[in-house]
Every structure is written in C-alpha cells, then in structure tokens.
Amino acid sequence: DTAQAGKRSVLGRFVHGAESEPDTSVRELARLGGITLESFVSLQGLIDFAPYLKRLEPRLTDSRYQPALFVPQAITYSLGREQREEDNASETVWNWLTQQSGGFVVILGNFGSGKSFLLREIARRLIAERTITPILIDLRRLNRSLNLEGLLATHLAQEDFKEFNLEAFRYMTREGRLALLFDGYDELEVRVGFEQAASYFETICTAAGGRARIAVTSRTQHFKSDEQVLKILGQRAETAGARLAKLVPFDRQRIRRLLIGKLGSEESADRRLALLESVQDLSKLAENRSEEHTSELQ
C-alpha cells in the first residue's frame, strides 16, 4: 500500500526527456513507488536549465518587450578595415552567435536604441530552436561579485535556480550549449566603478574559449567617445575573437512600423508620425525606442 511504499528504499531510476520538470504530484508518486526521476540532461552530467527557462520566458514577452512590436534595426560593424552595415541586426547577431565555432559579440548602442529588446528577441528564438540554452543576465540587477562565476551564481540565485554546477557550466559554455547574454555592461560600470567593470569584461572574455557563445551590450553615451569605447571594450574583446558592432538609430520607415504595431493600423500610424514630425526635435526622440520613449509616442 501507499504507507509501505513510502518506506521503501529507491528501487530504480526513471530517465525522462521532458522539456520541463514533472510536477510535484508525479514526483511524489514516483517517490512512493521507490523510483527517482532524472532528466536526460542531468544524466549526462550537465545542468538542466528547464526550470530556469520556464521562469525566463514570461519576462521575454512582458509589456515592454512584446514580440509583435519588435522592429529589427540596422547594425554596423568592422570587417578588417572595411565598415559594413546590415539591415537586420537580430538576424546578423543570431548568425554570429549560432555559427558552429561559436561567437563573441559586443553590441553598442545609444540610450533606447533597442539593445535589451534585441537580446530578448535572440533569447526567445534560442528557446524556440531548443538547441542552445540562453542565459539572459541583466547586469543592472547584480551586486558586486569577484568573478564571472560569482555574477552567474548571483543571477541564477535571483531566478531561484539552485543547481549551479561550476564544472558542468564551464563545459556547457565551452561546447556551445549555452548562450550567455549580458545586458547593460555600462550599468554595471555605474554600480562597481570603471576599473572593476573592465575587470569583469576581461573575465567574461576568458569564458570565450572553445565554441562559447557570448553577447554583451553597452550604451555608448556612457563613454566620452566611440574611440574610448573601442579602446576599452574593443581591444579586450578582440583578444577573445569578438565582433564589435553598433546599432543604428531608427529611421522613418522603422518608426512607422513601430507605430503600426502600437496603434494597429497604417492610417493611425501615419497620423501620429505626421504629428511627431510637426514638433521640432520630437522625431529625433522617436529614433530611440526605449519603453520611456515609446510611451511618448502613444
């Protein structure tokens, strides 16, 4: 009976391939039958991030980052001495991160240019593809830590994820099973100071070996000039084989697409766009699409 079953020692182990952890009732029923449940990922000695992804997904589609409102922006980057521009930043960054050899991408952009939205779009797509696990780390939320592992452990603890195995994490990063998406490097610098933040960036670069997939966003306005950004971030990133790219502010066509998504029709969008353009400098504000600026368009 159930009482006797509860006293049994473990008789066996059932390995499941479910994308999420079985619910409490299923696990309790297995325990009463002397069976332990283990995911196939865990059996391989890896970290099962299914519970983490379950908590992450709702944040990727909240009111600030509705997928239907995502409008890909242009992105510029250097290839040798040649400066290139691609029309779809999300597709370009996706290709860099998911190539077989891995990738390290530093994404610079003005305030409100869509850096956070871009990383969330990448994370959503990675979850849908189910081959690479995104770890989205908002550096604004983290306190001081001494190293990369400390940053990650703090982030995962904030997400109520306690199964942090350092060796397994390093292996999964090196083998390209994870995509580490660090959002708001400039905000980290504000919290811990310039030198400490630079040290963190060097630490992030050390994780870029093997087939690691890493993206870091930073706001350009925080620095004195683009040259300073390239010197502080670019040189360190270059040693890790990174690409350094910069988001281009929204043009009129993209602003119109965003307004269509927000207002629901082309006619309403055109009226609102005309109103924006009738007020001096307001259309320049609309080139940035942060939540605060989006509210100005409503």
Protein backbone atom coordinates (compact mmCIF):
# COMPACT_ATOMS: atom_id res chain seq x y z
CA ASP A 1 0.00 0.00 0.00
CA THR A 2 0.96 3.67 -0.05
CA ALA A 3 2.24 3.69 3.54
CA GLN A 4 4.51 0.73 2.91
CA ALA A 5 5.65 2.15 -0.42
CA GLY A 6 6.76 5.32 1.32
CA LYS A 7 9.16 3.28 3.45
CA ARG A 8 10.82 1.53 0.51
CA SER A 9 14.37 2.34 -0.47
CA VAL A 10 14.98 3.51 -4.01
CA LEU A 11 14.31 0.62 -6.38
CA GLY A 12 15.12 2.30 -9.65
CA ARG A 13 15.60 5.44 -11.66
CA PHE A 14 13.39 6.71 -14.45
CA VAL A 15 15.11 8.95 -17.01
CA HIS A 16 12.76 11.33 -18.82
CA GLY A 17 13.24 13.61 -21.77
CA ALA A 18 10.58 16.16 -20.84
CA GLU A 19 11.34 19.80 -21.60
CA SER A 20 10.24 20.79 -18.09
CA GLU A 21 10.41 19.14 -14.70
CA PRO A 22 7.49 16.79 -13.83
CA ASP A 23 5.03 18.40 -11.44
CA THR A 24 5.05 17.71 -7.72
CA SER A 25 2.32 15.05 -7.82
CA VAL A 26 4.20 12.99 -10.40
CA ARG A 27 7.45 13.21 -8.46
CA GLU A 28 5.69 12.23 -5.22
CA LEU A 29 4.01 9.25 -6.88
CA ALA A 30 7.38 8.09 -8.20
CA ARG A 31 8.97 8.51 -4.77
CA LEU A 32 6.26 6.41 -3.13
CA GLY A 33 6.98 3.71 -5.68
CA GLY A 34 10.69 3.77 -4.88
CA ILE A 35 11.61 5.48 -8.16
CA THR A 36 13.70 8.61 -8.65
CA LEU A 37 13.06 10.84 -11.64
CA GLU A 38 16.00 12.30 -13.54
CA SER A 39 16.14 14.27 -16.75
CA PHE A 40 18.26 13.03 -19.63
CA VAL A 41 20.26 16.26 -19.48
CA SER A 42 21.08 15.68 -15.81
CA LEU A 43 22.03 12.06 -16.56
CA GLN A 44 24.67 13.34 -18.98
CA GLY A 45 26.30 15.26 -16.14
CA LEU A 46 25.02 18.58 -17.50
CA ILE A 47 22.86 21.27 -15.92
CA ASP A 48 19.16 21.01 -16.67
CA PHE A 49 18.09 24.61 -17.26
CA ALA A 50 14.42 23.77 -17.92
CA PRO A 51 13.23 25.37 -14.64
CA TYR A 52 15.29 28.49 -15.41
CA LEU A 53 13.81 28.80 -18.91
CA LYS A 54 10.32 28.38 -17.50
CA ARG A 55 10.87 31.48 -15.34
CA LEU A 56 12.64 33.38 -18.12
CA GLU A 57 10.04 33.02 -20.87
CA PRO A 58 7.35 35.28 -19.32
CA ARG A 59 9.90 38.09 -18.89
CA LEU A 60 10.73 37.91 -22.59
CA THR A 61 7.17 38.76 -23.56
CA ASP A 62 6.11 41.30 -20.94
CA SER A 63 4.50 44.62 -21.82
CA ARG A 64 7.84 46.30 -22.50
CA TYR A 65 9.08 43.66 -24.92
CA GLN A 66 6.06 42.39 -26.82
CA PRO A 67 7.34 40.27 -29.74
CA ALA A 68 4.78 41.80 -32.09
CA LEU A 69 6.38 45.23 -31.53
CA PHE A 70 9.93 44.12 -32.30
CA VAL A 71 11.29 46.00 -35.31
CA PRO A 72 14.79 44.90 -36.39
CA GLN A 73 17.21 47.79 -36.60
CA ALA A 74 20.28 48.19 -38.75
CA ILE A 75 23.73 47.39 -37.38
CA THR A 76 27.22 48.46 -38.37
CA TYR A 77 30.49 46.61 -37.78
CA SER A 78 34.04 46.43 -39.00
CA LEU A 79 35.41 43.64 -41.15
CA GLY A 80 39.13 44.27 -41.34
CA ARG A 81 39.43 47.87 -42.49
CA GLU A 82 36.03 47.79 -44.14
CA GLN A 83 32.96 49.22 -42.40
CA ARG A 84 29.80 47.25 -43.13
CA GLU A 85 26.12 47.76 -42.41
CA GLU A 86 23.44 45.08 -42.23
CA ASP A 87 19.73 45.89 -42.37
CA ASN A 88 18.63 43.31 -39.77
CA ALA A 89 20.62 43.40 -36.53
CA SER A 90 18.79 40.47 -34.91
CA GLU A 91 19.47 38.18 -37.86
CA THR A 92 23.10 39.29 -38.06
CA VAL A 93 23.76 38.77 -34.35
CA TRP A 94 21.89 35.46 -34.47
CA ASN A 95 24.19 34.23 -37.24
CA TRP A 96 27.29 35.31 -35.32
CA LEU A 97 26.19 33.59 -32.12
CA THR A 98 24.93 30.35 -33.62
CA GLN A 99 27.74 29.59 -36.04
CA GLN A 100 29.33 26.22 -35.33
CA SER A 101 32.52 27.76 -33.96
CA GLY A 102 30.62 29.99 -31.51
CA GLY A 103 30.92 33.75 -31.26
CA PHE A 104 31.60 36.72 -29.01
CA VAL A 105 29.61 39.85 -29.86
CA VAL A 106 29.86 43.29 -28.26
CA ILE A 107 26.81 45.38 -29.17
CA LEU A 108 26.96 49.14 -28.64
CA GLY A 109 24.01 51.46 -28.96
CA ASN A 110 22.58 54.81 -27.90
CA PHE A 111 20.19 55.03 -24.99
CA GLY A 112 16.90 53.41 -26.03
CA SER A 113 18.25 52.01 -29.30
CA GLY A 114 16.85 48.55 -28.61
CA LYS A 115 19.80 46.64 -27.13
CA SER A 116 17.72 44.94 -24.45
CA PHE A 117 14.91 44.18 -26.88
CA LEU A 118 17.42 42.67 -29.30
CA LEU A 119 18.86 40.31 -26.68
CA ARG A 120 15.37 39.22 -25.65
CA GLU A 121 14.47 38.51 -29.25
CA ILE A 122 17.62 36.38 -29.56
CA ALA A 123 16.74 34.58 -26.31
CA ARG A 124 13.17 33.90 -27.49
CA ARG A 125 14.44 32.46 -30.74
CA LEU A 126 17.00 30.27 -28.99
CA ILE A 127 14.32 28.85 -26.70
CA ALA A 128 12.13 28.10 -29.72
CA GLU A 129 15.02 26.37 -31.52
CA ARG A 130 15.74 24.21 -28.42
CA THR A 131 19.37 23.54 -29.36
CA ILE A 132 21.18 26.30 -27.44
CA THR A 133 20.13 27.44 -23.97
CA PRO A 134 20.07 31.24 -23.46
CA ILE A 135 21.15 32.67 -20.10
CA LEU A 136 19.96 36.30 -20.06
CA ILE A 137 21.84 38.26 -17.41
CA ASP A 138 20.64 41.76 -16.59
CA LEU A 139 23.76 43.39 -15.16
CA ARG A 140 21.63 46.19 -13.69
CA ARG A 141 20.26 43.73 -11.12
CA LEU A 142 23.57 42.34 -9.89
CA ASN A 143 25.59 43.42 -6.91
CA ARG A 144 29.34 43.26 -6.57
CA SER A 145 30.92 39.88 -7.35
CA LEU A 146 34.54 38.90 -7.67
CA ASN A 147 34.41 36.86 -10.87
CA LEU A 148 32.25 35.60 -13.70
CA GLU A 149 31.11 32.59 -11.73
CA GLY A 150 30.04 34.92 -8.93
CA LEU A 151 27.99 37.02 -11.37
CA LEU A 152 26.32 33.94 -12.81
CA ALA A 153 25.69 32.33 -9.43
CA THR A 154 24.08 35.57 -8.21
CA HIS A 155 21.93 35.80 -11.33
CA LEU A 156 20.75 32.20 -11.04
CA ALA A 157 20.04 32.62 -7.33
CA GLN A 158 17.84 35.63 -8.17
CA GLU A 159 15.96 33.33 -10.54
CA ASP A 160 15.54 30.74 -7.76
CA PHE A 161 17.77 28.29 -9.63
CA LYS A 162 19.99 26.46 -7.19
CA GLU A 163 21.56 23.68 -9.28
CA PHE A 164 24.71 25.57 -10.27
CA ASN A 165 27.49 23.11 -11.03
CA LEU A 166 30.57 25.11 -11.98
CA GLU A 167 32.38 22.38 -13.89
CA ALA A 168 29.25 21.43 -15.82
CA PHE A 169 28.60 25.09 -16.56
CA ARG A 170 32.10 25.62 -17.90
CA TYR A 171 31.81 22.53 -20.06
CA MET A 172 28.42 23.56 -21.48
CA THR A 173 29.73 27.07 -22.22
CA ARG A 174 32.89 25.77 -23.88
CA GLU A 175 30.91 23.32 -26.01
CA GLY A 176 28.49 25.99 -27.20
CA ARG A 177 25.46 24.53 -25.43
CA LEU A 178 24.79 27.88 -23.70
CA ALA A 179 24.48 31.43 -24.99
CA LEU A 180 25.47 33.95 -22.31
CA LEU A 181 23.65 37.22 -22.98
CA PHE A 182 24.95 40.06 -20.76
CA ASP A 183 22.68 43.10 -20.94
CA GLY A 184 23.76 46.52 -19.65
CA TYR A 185 27.53 46.43 -19.20
CA ASP A 186 27.53 50.23 -18.82
CA GLU A 187 25.08 49.92 -15.91
CA LEU A 188 27.47 47.52 -14.21
CA GLU A 189 30.21 50.12 -14.57
CA VAL A 190 28.00 52.66 -12.77
CA ARG A 191 27.48 50.22 -9.89
CA VAL A 192 31.01 48.94 -9.34
CA GLY A 193 33.28 51.56 -10.91
CA PHE A 194 35.13 51.71 -14.20
CA GLU A 195 38.16 49.60 -13.27
CA GLN A 196 36.10 46.84 -11.65
CA ALA A 197 33.72 46.73 -14.62
CA ALA A 198 36.67 46.49 -17.00
CA SER A 199 37.95 43.58 -14.92
CA TYR A 200 34.55 41.90 -15.25
CA PHE A 201 34.70 42.32 -19.00
CA GLU A 202 38.10 40.66 -19.12
CA THR A 203 36.66 37.82 -17.04
CA ILE A 204 33.77 37.47 -19.50
CA CYS A 205 36.34 37.25 -22.29
CA THR A 206 38.03 34.33 -20.53
CA ALA A 207 34.81 32.34 -20.98
CA ALA A 208 35.00 32.82 -24.75
CA GLY A 209 37.17 29.77 -25.40
CA GLY A 210 36.08 26.76 -27.40
CA ARG A 211 32.69 27.26 -29.04
CA ALA A 212 31.36 29.69 -26.43
CA ARG A 213 28.50 31.97 -27.46
CA ILE A 214 28.51 35.32 -25.68
CA ALA A 215 26.88 38.69 -26.31
CA VAL A 216 27.44 41.88 -24.29
CA THR A 217 25.52 45.13 -24.71
CA SER A 218 26.73 48.55 -23.63
CA ARG A 219 25.45 52.09 -24.01
CA THR A 220 27.73 54.40 -25.98
CA GLN A 221 26.56 57.61 -24.24
CA HIS A 222 28.23 56.48 -21.05
CA PHE A 223 31.65 56.96 -22.65
CA LYS A 224 33.31 60.14 -23.83
CA SER A 225 33.54 58.99 -27.44
CA ASP A 226 33.29 56.00 -29.73
CA GLU A 227 37.08 55.87 -29.70
CA GLN A 228 37.06 55.33 -25.94
CA VAL A 229 34.53 52.52 -26.32
CA LEU A 230 36.68 50.85 -28.94
CA LYS A 231 39.77 51.22 -26.80
CA ILE A 232 38.24 49.92 -23.56
CA LEU A 233 35.90 47.27 -24.95
CA GLY A 234 37.18 46.61 -28.43
CA GLN A 235 40.76 45.70 -27.59
CA ARG A 236 39.73 43.32 -24.84
CA ALA A 237 37.01 41.79 -26.99
CA GLU A 238 39.39 41.43 -29.93
CA THR A 239 41.64 39.20 -27.87
CA ALA A 240 38.68 36.83 -27.46
CA GLY A 241 37.91 36.84 -31.19
CA ALA A 242 34.89 39.09 -30.76
CA ARG A 243 32.93 41.18 -33.19
CA LEU A 244 32.27 44.78 -32.21
CA ALA A 245 29.03 46.19 -33.61
CA LYS A 246 26.87 49.26 -33.19
CA LEU A 247 23.10 49.64 -33.53
CA VAL A 248 21.85 52.34 -35.87
CA PRO A 249 19.05 54.66 -34.63
CA PHE A 250 15.62 54.06 -36.13
CA ASP A 251 14.91 55.69 -39.48
CA ARG A 252 11.49 56.97 -40.51
CA GLN A 253 10.43 53.65 -42.02
CA ARG A 254 11.17 51.74 -38.83
CA ILE A 255 9.45 54.34 -36.65
CA ARG A 256 6.38 53.94 -38.86
CA ARG A 257 6.50 50.12 -38.48
CA LEU A 258 6.68 50.50 -34.71
CA LEU A 259 3.71 52.88 -34.70
CA ILE A 260 1.67 50.49 -36.83
CA GLY A 261 2.34 47.77 -34.27
CA LYS A 262 1.40 50.05 -31.38
CA LEU A 263 -1.64 51.72 -32.94
CA GLY A 264 -2.99 48.87 -35.01
CA SER A 265 -3.38 50.50 -38.42
CA GLU A 266 -1.35 52.31 -41.09
CA GLU A 267 -3.74 55.24 -41.07
CA SER A 268 -3.34 55.82 -37.33
CA ALA A 269 0.42 55.40 -37.63
CA ASP A 270 0.69 57.95 -40.43
CA ARG A 271 -1.34 60.50 -38.45
CA ARG A 272 0.85 60.01 -35.40
CA LEU A 273 4.04 60.18 -37.46
CA ALA A 274 2.90 63.45 -39.06
CA LEU A 275 2.22 64.83 -35.60
CA LEU A 276 5.68 63.80 -34.44
CA GLU A 277 7.31 65.45 -37.42
CA SER A 278 5.37 68.68 -36.83
CA VAL A 279 7.04 69.18 -33.44
CA GLN A 280 10.66 70.29 -33.52
CA ASP A 281 13.15 67.55 -32.49
CA LEU A 282 10.41 65.15 -31.38
CA SER A 283 11.00 62.86 -34.34
CA LYS A 284 14.66 62.59 -33.25
CA LEU A 285 13.45 61.32 -29.88
CA ALA A 286 11.42 58.67 -31.70
CA GLU A 287 14.62 57.24 -33.22
CA ASN A 288 15.16 55.58 -29.85
CA ARG A 289 12.60 53.00 -28.87
CA SER A 290 13.10 52.54 -25.14
CA GLU A 291 9.98 51.96 -23.05
CA GLU A 292 10.14 55.53 -21.81
CA HIS A 293 10.34 56.87 -25.36
CA THR A 294 7.70 54.51 -26.64
CA SER A 295 5.30 55.99 -24.12
CA GLU A 296 5.94 59.38 -25.69
CA LEU A 297 4.61 58.02 -28.99
CA GLN A 298 1.31 56.81 -27.54
